ModelCIF file with pLDDT and N, C-alpha, C, O atoms, coordinates in Angstrom:
data_MODEL
#
_entry.id   MODEL 
#
_entity.id                         1 
_entity.type                       polymer 
_entity.pdbx_number_of_molecules   1 
#
_entity_poly.entity_id                      1 
_entity_poly.type                           'polypeptide(L)' 
_entity_poly.nstd_linkage                   no 
_entity_poly.nstd_monomer                   no 
_entity_poly.pdbx_seq_one_letter_code       SFFTAFTGGSGVTILALGGLLLPLLTKAGFPEQRGISLVTSASALGVL 
_entity_poly.pdbx_seq_one_letter_code_can   SFFTAFTGGSGVTILALGGLLLPLLTKAGFPEQRGISLVTSASALGVL 
_entity_poly.pdbx_strand_id                 A 
#
loop_
_entity_poly_seq.entity_id 
_entity_poly_seq.num 
_entity_poly_seq.mon_id 
_entity_poly_seq.hetero 
1 1  SER n 
1 2  PHE n 
1 3  PHE n 
1 4  THR n 
1 5  ALA n 
1 6  PHE n 
1 7  THR n 
1 8  GLY n 
1 9  GLY n 
1 10 SER n 
1 11 GLY n 
1 12 VAL n 
1 13 THR n 
1 14 ILE n 
1 15 LEU n 
1 16 ALA n 
1 17 LEU n 
1 18 GLY n 
1 19 GLY n 
1 20 LEU n 
1 21 LEU n 
1 22 LEU n 
1 23 PRO n 
1 24 LEU n 
1 25 LEU n 
1 26 THR n 
1 27 LYS n 
1 28 ALA n 
1 29 GLY n 
1 30 PHE n 
1 31 PRO n 
1 32 GLU n 
1 33 GLN n 
1 34 ARG n 
1 35 GLY n 
1 36 ILE n 
1 37 SER n 
1 38 LEU n 
1 39 VAL n 
1 40 THR n 
1 41 SER n 
1 42 ALA n 
1 43 SER n 
1 44 ALA n 
1 45 LEU n 
1 46 GLY n 
1 47 VAL n 
1 48 LEU n 
#
_struct_asym.id          A 
_struct_asym.entity_id   1 
#
loop_
_ma_qa_metric.id 
_ma_qa_metric.mode 
_ma_qa_metric.name 
_ma_qa_metric.software_group_id 
_ma_qa_metric.type 
1 global pLDDT . pLDDT 
2 local  pLDDT . pLDDT 
#
_ma_qa_metric_global.metric_id      1 
_ma_qa_metric_global.metric_value   80.79 
_ma_qa_metric_global.model_id       1 
_ma_qa_metric_global.ordinal_id     1 
#
loop_
_ma_qa_metric_local.label_asym_id 
_ma_qa_metric_local.label_comp_id 
_ma_qa_metric_local.label_seq_id 
_ma_qa_metric_local.metric_id 
_ma_qa_metric_local.metric_value 
_ma_qa_metric_local.model_id 
_ma_qa_metric_local.ordinal_id 
A SER 1  2 87.00 1 1  
A PHE 2  2 83.00 1 2  
A PHE 3  2 82.00 1 3  
A THR 4  2 82.00 1 4  
A ALA 5  2 81.00 1 5  
A PHE 6  2 74.00 1 6  
A THR 7  2 68.00 1 7  
A GLY 8  2 60.00 1 8  
A GLY 9  2 61.00 1 9  
A SER 10 2 60.00 1 10 
A GLY 11 2 64.00 1 11 
A VAL 12 2 68.00 1 12 
A THR 13 2 76.00 1 13 
A ILE 14 2 78.00 1 14 
A LEU 15 2 71.00 1 15 
A ALA 16 2 70.00 1 16 
A LEU 17 2 75.00 1 17 
A GLY 18 2 76.00 1 18 
A GLY 19 2 75.00 1 19 
A LEU 20 2 77.00 1 20 
A LEU 21 2 83.00 1 21 
A LEU 22 2 84.00 1 22 
A PRO 23 2 85.00 1 23 
A LEU 24 2 82.00 1 24 
A LEU 25 2 85.00 1 25 
A THR 26 2 85.00 1 26 
A LYS 27 2 83.00 1 27 
A ALA 28 2 80.00 1 28 
A GLY 29 2 82.00 1 29 
A PHE 30 2 84.00 1 30 
A PRO 31 2 87.00 1 31 
A GLU 32 2 87.00 1 32 
A GLN 33 2 88.00 1 33 
A ARG 34 2 88.00 1 34 
A GLY 35 2 88.00 1 35 
A ILE 36 2 89.00 1 36 
A SER 37 2 89.00 1 37 
A LEU 38 2 90.00 1 38 
A VAL 39 2 89.00 1 39 
A THR 40 2 88.00 1 40 
A SER 41 2 90.00 1 41 
A ALA 42 2 88.00 1 42 
A SER 43 2 85.00 1 43 
A ALA 44 2 85.00 1 44 
A LEU 45 2 85.00 1 45 
A GLY 46 2 84.00 1 46 
A VAL 47 2 87.00 1 47 
A LEU 48 2 90.00 1 48 
#
loop_
_atom_site.group_PDB 
_atom_site.id 
_atom_site.type_symbol 
_atom_site.label_atom_id 
_atom_site.label_alt_id 
_atom_site.label_comp_id 
_atom_site.label_asym_id 
_atom_site.label_entity_id 
_atom_site.label_seq_id 
_atom_site.pdbx_PDB_ins_code 
_atom_site.Cartn_x 
_atom_site.Cartn_y 
_atom_site.Cartn_z 
_atom_site.occupancy 
_atom_site.B_iso_or_equiv 
_atom_site.pdbx_formal_charge 
_atom_site.auth_seq_id 
_atom_site.auth_comp_id 
_atom_site.auth_asym_id 
_atom_site.auth_atom_id 
_atom_site.pdbx_PDB_model_num 
ATOM 1   N N  . SER A 1 1  ? 0.832  -1.205  0.000   1.00 87.00 ? 1  SER A N  1 
ATOM 2   C CA . SER A 1 1  ? 0.000  0.000   0.000   1.00 87.00 ? 1  SER A CA 1 
ATOM 3   C C  . SER A 1 1  ? 0.865  1.253   0.000   1.00 87.00 ? 1  SER A C  1 
ATOM 4   O O  . SER A 1 1  ? 0.633  2.181   -0.775  1.00 87.00 ? 1  SER A O  1 
ATOM 5   N N  . PHE A 1 2  ? 1.853  1.268   0.868   1.00 83.00 ? 2  PHE A N  1 
ATOM 6   C CA . PHE A 1 2  ? 2.760  2.410   1.001   1.00 83.00 ? 2  PHE A CA 1 
ATOM 7   C C  . PHE A 1 2  ? 3.483  2.666   -0.320  1.00 83.00 ? 2  PHE A C  1 
ATOM 8   O O  . PHE A 1 2  ? 3.601  3.809   -0.761  1.00 83.00 ? 2  PHE A O  1 
ATOM 9   N N  . PHE A 1 3  ? 3.963  1.592   -0.944  1.00 82.00 ? 3  PHE A N  1 
ATOM 10  C CA . PHE A 1 3  ? 4.759  1.730   -2.166  1.00 82.00 ? 3  PHE A CA 1 
ATOM 11  C C  . PHE A 1 3  ? 3.905  2.178   -3.339  1.00 82.00 ? 3  PHE A C  1 
ATOM 12  O O  . PHE A 1 3  ? 4.346  2.985   -4.157  1.00 82.00 ? 3  PHE A O  1 
ATOM 13  N N  . THR A 1 4  ? 2.677  1.658   -3.427  1.00 82.00 ? 4  THR A N  1 
ATOM 14  C CA . THR A 1 4  ? 1.783  2.059   -4.518  1.00 82.00 ? 4  THR A CA 1 
ATOM 15  C C  . THR A 1 4  ? 1.439  3.536   -4.428  1.00 82.00 ? 4  THR A C  1 
ATOM 16  O O  . THR A 1 4  ? 1.337  4.216   -5.449  1.00 82.00 ? 4  THR A O  1 
ATOM 17  N N  . ALA A 1 5  ? 1.260  4.035   -3.209  1.00 81.00 ? 5  ALA A N  1 
ATOM 18  C CA . ALA A 1 5  ? 0.949  5.458   -3.034  1.00 81.00 ? 5  ALA A CA 1 
ATOM 19  C C  . ALA A 1 5  ? 2.036  6.321   -3.642  1.00 81.00 ? 5  ALA A C  1 
ATOM 20  O O  . ALA A 1 5  ? 1.743  7.382   -4.194  1.00 81.00 ? 5  ALA A O  1 
ATOM 21  N N  . PHE A 1 6  ? 3.288  5.889   -3.551  1.00 74.00 ? 6  PHE A N  1 
ATOM 22  C CA . PHE A 1 6  ? 4.385  6.703   -4.047  1.00 74.00 ? 6  PHE A CA 1 
ATOM 23  C C  . PHE A 1 6  ? 4.705  6.461   -5.512  1.00 74.00 ? 6  PHE A C  1 
ATOM 24  O O  . PHE A 1 6  ? 5.024  7.403   -6.238  1.00 74.00 ? 6  PHE A O  1 
ATOM 25  N N  . THR A 1 7  ? 4.624  5.215   -5.959  1.00 68.00 ? 7  THR A N  1 
ATOM 26  C CA . THR A 1 7  ? 4.992  4.942   -7.353  1.00 68.00 ? 7  THR A CA 1 
ATOM 27  C C  . THR A 1 7  ? 3.916  5.363   -8.326  1.00 68.00 ? 7  THR A C  1 
ATOM 28  O O  . THR A 1 7  ? 4.185  5.529   -9.515  1.00 68.00 ? 7  THR A O  1 
ATOM 29  N N  . GLY A 1 8  ? 2.677  5.543   -7.829  1.00 60.00 ? 8  GLY A N  1 
ATOM 30  C CA . GLY A 1 8  ? 1.608  5.997   -8.708  1.00 60.00 ? 8  GLY A CA 1 
ATOM 31  C C  . GLY A 1 8  ? 0.947  4.885   -9.480  1.00 60.00 ? 8  GLY A C  1 
ATOM 32  O O  . GLY A 1 8  ? -0.016 5.135   -10.204 1.00 60.00 ? 8  GLY A O  1 
ATOM 33  N N  . GLY A 1 9  ? 1.430  3.660   -9.352  1.00 61.00 ? 9  GLY A N  1 
ATOM 34  C CA . GLY A 1 9  ? 0.815  2.556   -10.081 1.00 61.00 ? 9  GLY A CA 1 
ATOM 35  C C  . GLY A 1 9  ? 0.991  1.246   -9.349  1.00 61.00 ? 9  GLY A C  1 
ATOM 36  O O  . GLY A 1 9  ? 2.100  0.893   -8.948  1.00 61.00 ? 9  GLY A O  1 
ATOM 37  N N  . SER A 1 10 ? -0.109 0.522   -9.174  1.00 60.00 ? 10 SER A N  1 
ATOM 38  C CA . SER A 1 10 ? -0.017 -0.749  -8.468  1.00 60.00 ? 10 SER A CA 1 
ATOM 39  C C  . SER A 1 10 ? 0.767  -1.777  -9.276  1.00 60.00 ? 10 SER A C  1 
ATOM 40  O O  . SER A 1 10 ? 1.373  -2.682  -8.702  1.00 60.00 ? 10 SER A O  1 
ATOM 41  N N  . GLY A 1 11 ? 0.762  -1.647  -10.600 1.00 64.00 ? 11 GLY A N  1 
ATOM 42  C CA . GLY A 1 11 ? 1.551  -2.553  -11.423 1.00 64.00 ? 11 GLY A CA 1 
ATOM 43  C C  . GLY A 1 11 ? 3.033  -2.406  -11.145 1.00 64.00 ? 11 GLY A C  1 
ATOM 44  O O  . GLY A 1 11 ? 3.764  -3.397  -11.122 1.00 64.00 ? 11 GLY A O  1 
ATOM 45  N N  . VAL A 1 12 ? 3.483  -1.176  -10.934 1.00 68.00 ? 12 VAL A N  1 
ATOM 46  C CA . VAL A 1 12 ? 4.889  -0.932  -10.599 1.00 68.00 ? 12 VAL A CA 1 
ATOM 47  C C  . VAL A 1 12 ? 5.232  -1.617  -9.278  1.00 68.00 ? 12 VAL A C  1 
ATOM 48  O O  . VAL A 1 12 ? 6.314  -2.183  -9.130  1.00 68.00 ? 12 VAL A O  1 
ATOM 49  N N  . THR A 1 13 ? 4.305  -1.562  -8.316  1.00 76.00 ? 13 THR A N  1 
ATOM 50  C CA . THR A 1 13 ? 4.535  -2.196  -7.015  1.00 76.00 ? 13 THR A CA 1 
ATOM 51  C C  . THR A 1 13 ? 4.701  -3.704  -7.161  1.00 76.00 ? 13 THR A C  1 
ATOM 52  O O  . THR A 1 13 ? 5.587  -4.293  -6.541  1.00 76.00 ? 13 THR A O  1 
ATOM 53  N N  . ILE A 1 14 ? 3.859  -4.328  -7.971  1.00 78.00 ? 14 ILE A N  1 
ATOM 54  C CA . ILE A 1 14 ? 3.966  -5.777  -8.177  1.00 78.00 ? 14 ILE A CA 1 
ATOM 55  C C  . ILE A 1 14 ? 5.320  -6.134  -8.773  1.00 78.00 ? 14 ILE A C  1 
ATOM 56  O O  . ILE A 1 14 ? 5.969  -7.090  -8.350  1.00 78.00 ? 14 ILE A O  1 
ATOM 57  N N  . LEU A 1 15 ? 5.737  -5.341  -9.770  1.00 71.00 ? 15 LEU A N  1 
ATOM 58  C CA . LEU A 1 15 ? 7.023  -5.617  -10.427 1.00 71.00 ? 15 LEU A CA 1 
ATOM 59  C C  . LEU A 1 15 ? 8.194  -5.345  -9.488  1.00 71.00 ? 15 LEU A C  1 
ATOM 60  O O  . LEU A 1 15 ? 9.187  -6.072  -9.509  1.00 71.00 ? 15 LEU A O  1 
ATOM 61  N N  . ALA A 1 16 ? 8.080  -4.289  -8.655  1.00 70.00 ? 16 ALA A N  1 
ATOM 62  C CA . ALA A 1 16 ? 9.189  -3.914  -7.778  1.00 70.00 ? 16 ALA A CA 1 
ATOM 63  C C  . ALA A 1 16 ? 9.276  -4.794  -6.537  1.00 70.00 ? 16 ALA A C  1 
ATOM 64  O O  . ALA A 1 16 ? 10.372 -5.099  -6.067  1.00 70.00 ? 16 ALA A O  1 
ATOM 65  N N  . LEU A 1 17 ? 8.112  -5.209  -6.000  1.00 75.00 ? 17 LEU A N  1 
ATOM 66  C CA . LEU A 1 17 ? 8.098  -5.923  -4.728  1.00 75.00 ? 17 LEU A CA 1 
ATOM 67  C C  . LEU A 1 17 ? 7.752  -7.398  -4.843  1.00 75.00 ? 17 LEU A C  1 
ATOM 68  O O  . LEU A 1 17 ? 7.992  -8.165  -3.911  1.00 75.00 ? 17 LEU A O  1 
ATOM 69  N N  . GLY A 1 18 ? 7.188  -7.804  -5.980  1.00 76.00 ? 18 GLY A N  1 
ATOM 70  C CA . GLY A 1 18 ? 6.744  -9.190  -6.108  1.00 76.00 ? 18 GLY A CA 1 
ATOM 71  C C  . GLY A 1 18 ? 7.853  -10.191 -5.853  1.00 76.00 ? 18 GLY A C  1 
ATOM 72  O O  . GLY A 1 18 ? 7.659  -11.167 -5.128  1.00 76.00 ? 18 GLY A O  1 
ATOM 73  N N  . GLY A 1 19 ? 9.029  -9.951  -6.449  1.00 75.00 ? 19 GLY A N  1 
ATOM 74  C CA . GLY A 1 19 ? 10.157 -10.859 -6.269  1.00 75.00 ? 19 GLY A CA 1 
ATOM 75  C C  . GLY A 1 19 ? 10.701 -10.858 -4.861  1.00 75.00 ? 19 GLY A C  1 
ATOM 76  O O  . GLY A 1 19 ? 11.337 -11.826 -4.445  1.00 75.00 ? 19 GLY A O  1 
ATOM 77  N N  . LEU A 1 20 ? 10.463 -9.783  -4.111  1.00 77.00 ? 20 LEU A N  1 
ATOM 78  C CA . LEU A 1 20 ? 10.917 -9.683  -2.731  1.00 77.00 ? 20 LEU A CA 1 
ATOM 79  C C  . LEU A 1 20 ? 9.933  -10.323 -1.760  1.00 77.00 ? 20 LEU A C  1 
ATOM 80  O O  . LEU A 1 20 ? 10.332 -11.048 -0.849  1.00 77.00 ? 20 LEU A O  1 
ATOM 81  N N  . LEU A 1 21 ? 8.624  -10.048 -1.963  1.00 83.00 ? 21 LEU A N  1 
ATOM 82  C CA . LEU A 1 21 ? 7.611  -10.442 -0.978  1.00 83.00 ? 21 LEU A CA 1 
ATOM 83  C C  . LEU A 1 21 ? 7.150  -11.884 -1.111  1.00 83.00 ? 21 LEU A C  1 
ATOM 84  O O  . LEU A 1 21 ? 6.914  -12.545 -0.100  1.00 83.00 ? 21 LEU A O  1 
ATOM 85  N N  . LEU A 1 22 ? 7.016  -12.387 -2.328  1.00 84.00 ? 22 LEU A N  1 
ATOM 86  C CA . LEU A 1 22 ? 6.504  -13.759 -2.469  1.00 84.00 ? 22 LEU A CA 1 
ATOM 87  C C  . LEU A 1 22 ? 7.398  -14.780 -1.765  1.00 84.00 ? 22 LEU A C  1 
ATOM 88  O O  . LEU A 1 22 ? 6.871  -15.659 -1.082  1.00 84.00 ? 22 LEU A O  1 
ATOM 89  N N  . PRO A 1 23 ? 8.736  -14.705 -1.898  1.00 85.00 ? 23 PRO A N  1 
ATOM 90  C CA . PRO A 1 23 ? 9.573  -15.646 -1.127  1.00 85.00 ? 23 PRO A CA 1 
ATOM 91  C C  . PRO A 1 23 ? 9.392  -15.492 0.378   1.00 85.00 ? 23 PRO A C  1 
ATOM 92  O O  . PRO A 1 23 ? 9.404  -16.486 1.104   1.00 85.00 ? 23 PRO A O  1 
ATOM 93  N N  . LEU A 1 24 ? 9.221  -14.245 0.864   1.00 82.00 ? 24 LEU A N  1 
ATOM 94  C CA . LEU A 1 24 ? 8.999  -14.039 2.296   1.00 82.00 ? 24 LEU A CA 1 
ATOM 95  C C  . LEU A 1 24 ? 7.699  -14.705 2.744   1.00 82.00 ? 24 LEU A C  1 
ATOM 96  O O  . LEU A 1 24 ? 7.649  -15.327 3.805   1.00 82.00 ? 24 LEU A O  1 
ATOM 97  N N  . LEU A 1 25 ? 6.644  -14.571 1.928   1.00 85.00 ? 25 LEU A N  1 
ATOM 98  C CA . LEU A 1 25 ? 5.340  -15.139 2.280   1.00 85.00 ? 25 LEU A CA 1 
ATOM 99  C C  . LEU A 1 25 ? 5.377  -16.669 2.257   1.00 85.00 ? 25 LEU A C  1 
ATOM 100 O O  . LEU A 1 25 ? 4.847  -17.321 3.156   1.00 85.00 ? 25 LEU A O  1 
ATOM 101 N N  . THR A 1 26 ? 6.001  -17.232 1.233   1.00 85.00 ? 26 THR A N  1 
ATOM 102 C CA . THR A 1 26 ? 6.085  -18.697 1.154   1.00 85.00 ? 26 THR A CA 1 
ATOM 103 C C  . THR A 1 26 ? 6.967  -19.242 2.276   1.00 85.00 ? 26 THR A C  1 
ATOM 104 O O  . THR A 1 26 ? 6.706  -20.324 2.803   1.00 85.00 ? 26 THR A O  1 
ATOM 105 N N  . LYS A 1 27 ? 8.020  -18.488 2.645   1.00 83.00 ? 27 LYS A N  1 
ATOM 106 C CA . LYS A 1 27 ? 8.900  -18.907 3.737   1.00 83.00 ? 27 LYS A CA 1 
ATOM 107 C C  . LYS A 1 27 ? 8.151  -18.891 5.065   1.00 83.00 ? 27 LYS A C  1 
ATOM 108 O O  . LYS A 1 27 ? 8.423  -19.693 5.958   1.00 83.00 ? 27 LYS A O  1 
ATOM 109 N N  . ALA A 1 28 ? 7.191  -17.952 5.179   1.00 80.00 ? 28 ALA A N  1 
ATOM 110 C CA . ALA A 1 28 ? 6.385  -17.875 6.402   1.00 80.00 ? 28 ALA A CA 1 
ATOM 111 C C  . ALA A 1 28 ? 5.334  -18.969 6.455   1.00 80.00 ? 28 ALA A C  1 
ATOM 112 O O  . ALA A 1 28 ? 4.733  -19.197 7.505   1.00 80.00 ? 28 ALA A O  1 
ATOM 113 N N  . GLY A 1 29 ? 5.099  -19.657 5.329   1.00 82.00 ? 29 GLY A N  1 
ATOM 114 C CA . GLY A 1 29 ? 4.145  -20.761 5.321   1.00 82.00 ? 29 GLY A CA 1 
ATOM 115 C C  . GLY A 1 29 ? 2.961  -20.583 4.399   1.00 82.00 ? 29 GLY A C  1 
ATOM 116 O O  . GLY A 1 29 ? 2.092  -21.453 4.347   1.00 82.00 ? 29 GLY A O  1 
ATOM 117 N N  . PHE A 1 30 ? 2.899  -19.467 3.659   1.00 84.00 ? 30 PHE A N  1 
ATOM 118 C CA . PHE A 1 30 ? 1.785  -19.250 2.733   1.00 84.00 ? 30 PHE A CA 1 
ATOM 119 C C  . PHE A 1 30 ? 1.934  -20.154 1.509   1.00 84.00 ? 30 PHE A C  1 
ATOM 120 O O  . PHE A 1 30 ? 3.028  -20.251 0.954   1.00 84.00 ? 30 PHE A O  1 
ATOM 121 N N  . PRO A 1 31 ? 0.860  -20.817 1.079   1.00 87.00 ? 31 PRO A N  1 
ATOM 122 C CA . PRO A 1 31 ? 0.889  -21.463 -0.235  1.00 87.00 ? 31 PRO A CA 1 
ATOM 123 C C  . PRO A 1 31 ? 1.133  -20.409 -1.324  1.00 87.00 ? 31 PRO A C  1 
ATOM 124 O O  . PRO A 1 31 ? 0.773  -19.243 -1.163  1.00 87.00 ? 31 PRO A O  1 
ATOM 125 N N  . GLU A 1 32 ? 1.739  -20.829 -2.411  1.00 87.00 ? 32 GLU A N  1 
ATOM 126 C CA . GLU A 1 32 ? 2.141  -19.868 -3.442  1.00 87.00 ? 32 GLU A CA 1 
ATOM 127 C C  . GLU A 1 32 ? 0.956  -19.043 -3.959  1.00 87.00 ? 32 GLU A C  1 
ATOM 128 O O  . GLU A 1 32 ? 1.066  -17.827 -4.117  1.00 87.00 ? 32 GLU A O  1 
ATOM 129 N N  . GLN A 1 33 ? -0.191 -19.714 -4.225  1.00 88.00 ? 33 GLN A N  1 
ATOM 130 C CA . GLN A 1 33 ? -1.328 -18.986 -4.782  1.00 88.00 ? 33 GLN A CA 1 
ATOM 131 C C  . GLN A 1 33 ? -1.846 -17.938 -3.801  1.00 88.00 ? 33 GLN A C  1 
ATOM 132 O O  . GLN A 1 33 ? -2.264 -16.852 -4.203  1.00 88.00 ? 33 GLN A O  1 
ATOM 133 N N  . ARG A 1 34 ? -1.815 -18.272 -2.513  1.00 88.00 ? 34 ARG A N  1 
ATOM 134 C CA . ARG A 1 34 ? -2.293 -17.317 -1.524  1.00 88.00 ? 34 ARG A CA 1 
ATOM 135 C C  . ARG A 1 34 ? -1.329 -16.132 -1.394  1.00 88.00 ? 34 ARG A C  1 
ATOM 136 O O  . ARG A 1 34 ? -1.757 -14.994 -1.201  1.00 88.00 ? 34 ARG A O  1 
ATOM 137 N N  . GLY A 1 35 ? -0.038 -16.407 -1.500  1.00 88.00 ? 35 GLY A N  1 
ATOM 138 C CA . GLY A 1 35 ? 0.950  -15.332 -1.468  1.00 88.00 ? 35 GLY A CA 1 
ATOM 139 C C  . GLY A 1 35 ? 0.806  -14.399 -2.653  1.00 88.00 ? 35 GLY A C  1 
ATOM 140 O O  . GLY A 1 35 ? 0.865  -13.179 -2.500  1.00 88.00 ? 35 GLY A O  1 
ATOM 141 N N  . ILE A 1 36 ? 0.615  -14.975 -3.851  1.00 89.00 ? 36 ILE A N  1 
ATOM 142 C CA . ILE A 1 36 ? 0.397  -14.161 -5.050  1.00 89.00 ? 36 ILE A CA 1 
ATOM 143 C C  . ILE A 1 36 ? -0.867 -13.325 -4.891  1.00 89.00 ? 36 ILE A C  1 
ATOM 144 O O  . ILE A 1 36 ? -0.901 -12.159 -5.283  1.00 89.00 ? 36 ILE A O  1 
ATOM 145 N N  . SER A 1 37 ? -1.900 -13.926 -4.318  1.00 89.00 ? 37 SER A N  1 
ATOM 146 C CA . SER A 1 37 ? -3.160 -13.215 -4.102  1.00 89.00 ? 37 SER A CA 1 
ATOM 147 C C  . SER A 1 37 ? -2.951 -11.992 -3.209  1.00 89.00 ? 37 SER A C  1 
ATOM 148 O O  . SER A 1 37 ? -3.476 -10.917 -3.498  1.00 89.00 ? 37 SER A O  1 
ATOM 149 N N  . LEU A 1 38 ? -2.186 -12.152 -2.127  1.00 90.00 ? 38 LEU A N  1 
ATOM 150 C CA . LEU A 1 38 ? -1.988 -11.038 -1.198  1.00 90.00 ? 38 LEU A CA 1 
ATOM 151 C C  . LEU A 1 38 ? -1.183 -9.914  -1.840  1.00 90.00 ? 38 LEU A C  1 
ATOM 152 O O  . LEU A 1 38 ? -1.552 -8.746  -1.718  1.00 90.00 ? 38 LEU A O  1 
ATOM 153 N N  . VAL A 1 39 ? -0.098 -10.246 -2.516  1.00 89.00 ? 39 VAL A N  1 
ATOM 154 C CA . VAL A 1 39 ? 0.728  -9.212  -3.156  1.00 89.00 ? 39 VAL A CA 1 
ATOM 155 C C  . VAL A 1 39 ? -0.065 -8.481  -4.234  1.00 89.00 ? 39 VAL A C  1 
ATOM 156 O O  . VAL A 1 39 ? -0.003 -7.255  -4.328  1.00 89.00 ? 39 VAL A O  1 
ATOM 157 N N  . THR A 1 40 ? -0.809 -9.224  -5.046  1.00 88.00 ? 40 THR A N  1 
ATOM 158 C CA . THR A 1 40 ? -1.564 -8.628  -6.152  1.00 88.00 ? 40 THR A CA 1 
ATOM 159 C C  . THR A 1 40 ? -2.659 -7.705  -5.636  1.00 88.00 ? 40 THR A C  1 
ATOM 160 O O  . THR A 1 40 ? -2.845 -6.606  -6.160  1.00 88.00 ? 40 THR A O  1 
ATOM 161 N N  . SER A 1 41 ? -3.381 -8.142  -4.618  1.00 90.00 ? 41 SER A N  1 
ATOM 162 C CA . SER A 1 41 ? -4.505 -7.347  -4.114  1.00 90.00 ? 41 SER A CA 1 
ATOM 163 C C  . SER A 1 41 ? -4.033 -6.180  -3.254  1.00 90.00 ? 41 SER A C  1 
ATOM 164 O O  . SER A 1 41 ? -4.577 -5.082  -3.366  1.00 90.00 ? 41 SER A O  1 
ATOM 165 N N  . ALA A 1 42 ? -3.039 -6.391  -2.404  1.00 88.00 ? 42 ALA A N  1 
ATOM 166 C CA . ALA A 1 42 ? -2.559 -5.303  -1.544  1.00 88.00 ? 42 ALA A CA 1 
ATOM 167 C C  . ALA A 1 42 ? -1.943 -4.175  -2.364  1.00 88.00 ? 42 ALA A C  1 
ATOM 168 O O  . ALA A 1 42 ? -1.933 -3.026  -1.922  1.00 88.00 ? 42 ALA A O  1 
ATOM 169 N N  . SER A 1 43 ? -1.437 -4.485  -3.537  1.00 85.00 ? 43 SER A N  1 
ATOM 170 C CA . SER A 1 43 ? -0.836 -3.452  -4.383  1.00 85.00 ? 43 SER A CA 1 
ATOM 171 C C  . SER A 1 43 ? -1.868 -2.463  -4.914  1.00 85.00 ? 43 SER A C  1 
ATOM 172 O O  . SER A 1 43 ? -1.510 -1.389  -5.399  1.00 85.00 ? 43 SER A O  1 
ATOM 173 N N  . ALA A 1 44 ? -3.145 -2.822  -4.825  1.00 85.00 ? 44 ALA A N  1 
ATOM 174 C CA . ALA A 1 44 ? -4.193 -1.903  -5.283  1.00 85.00 ? 44 ALA A CA 1 
ATOM 175 C C  . ALA A 1 44 ? -4.614 -0.920  -4.193  1.00 85.00 ? 44 ALA A C  1 
ATOM 176 O O  . ALA A 1 44 ? -5.313 0.053   -4.478  1.00 85.00 ? 44 ALA A O  1 
ATOM 177 N N  . LEU A 1 45 ? -4.197 -1.161  -2.948  1.00 85.00 ? 45 LEU A N  1 
ATOM 178 C CA . LEU A 1 45 ? -4.746 -0.405  -1.829  1.00 85.00 ? 45 LEU A CA 1 
ATOM 179 C C  . LEU A 1 45 ? -4.128 0.981   -1.640  1.00 85.00 ? 45 LEU A C  1 
ATOM 180 O O  . LEU A 1 45 ? -4.698 1.816   -0.937  1.00 85.00 ? 45 LEU A O  1 
ATOM 181 N N  . GLY A 1 46 ? -2.985 1.235   -2.251  1.00 84.00 ? 46 GLY A N  1 
ATOM 182 C CA . GLY A 1 46 ? -2.333 2.526   -2.058  1.00 84.00 ? 46 GLY A CA 1 
ATOM 183 C C  . GLY A 1 46 ? -3.019 3.689   -2.738  1.00 84.00 ? 46 GLY A C  1 
ATOM 184 O O  . GLY A 1 46 ? -2.600 4.833   -2.564  1.00 84.00 ? 46 GLY A O  1 
ATOM 185 N N  . VAL A 1 47 ? -4.065 3.428   -3.510  1.00 87.00 ? 47 VAL A N  1 
ATOM 186 C CA . VAL A 1 47 ? -4.770 4.496   -4.229  1.00 87.00 ? 47 VAL A CA 1 
ATOM 187 C C  . VAL A 1 47 ? -5.302 5.561   -3.272  1.00 87.00 ? 47 VAL A C  1 
ATOM 188 O O  . VAL A 1 47 ? -5.387 6.735   -3.633  1.00 87.00 ? 47 VAL A O  1 
ATOM 189 N N  . LEU A 1 48 ? -5.662 5.151   -2.046  1.00 90.00 ? 48 LEU A N  1 
ATOM 190 C CA . LEU A 1 48 ? -6.241 6.096   -1.093  1.00 90.00 ? 48 LEU A CA 1 
ATOM 191 C C  . LEU A 1 48 ? -5.196 6.846   -0.269  1.00 90.00 ? 48 LEU A C  1 
ATOM 192 O O  . LEU A 1 48 ? -5.551 7.673   0.572   1.00 90.00 ? 48 LEU A O  1 
#
């Protein structure tokens, strides 16, 4: 959310943070699809 607010685009956030966050989420125990779901959806929240 924080990153999308600054980059101006949620797509930029996915590209910039996706490779960083998905391994962290899977390492914490998230199934891959659920981790992708969280990164993809949370990247839309910075609009506000």
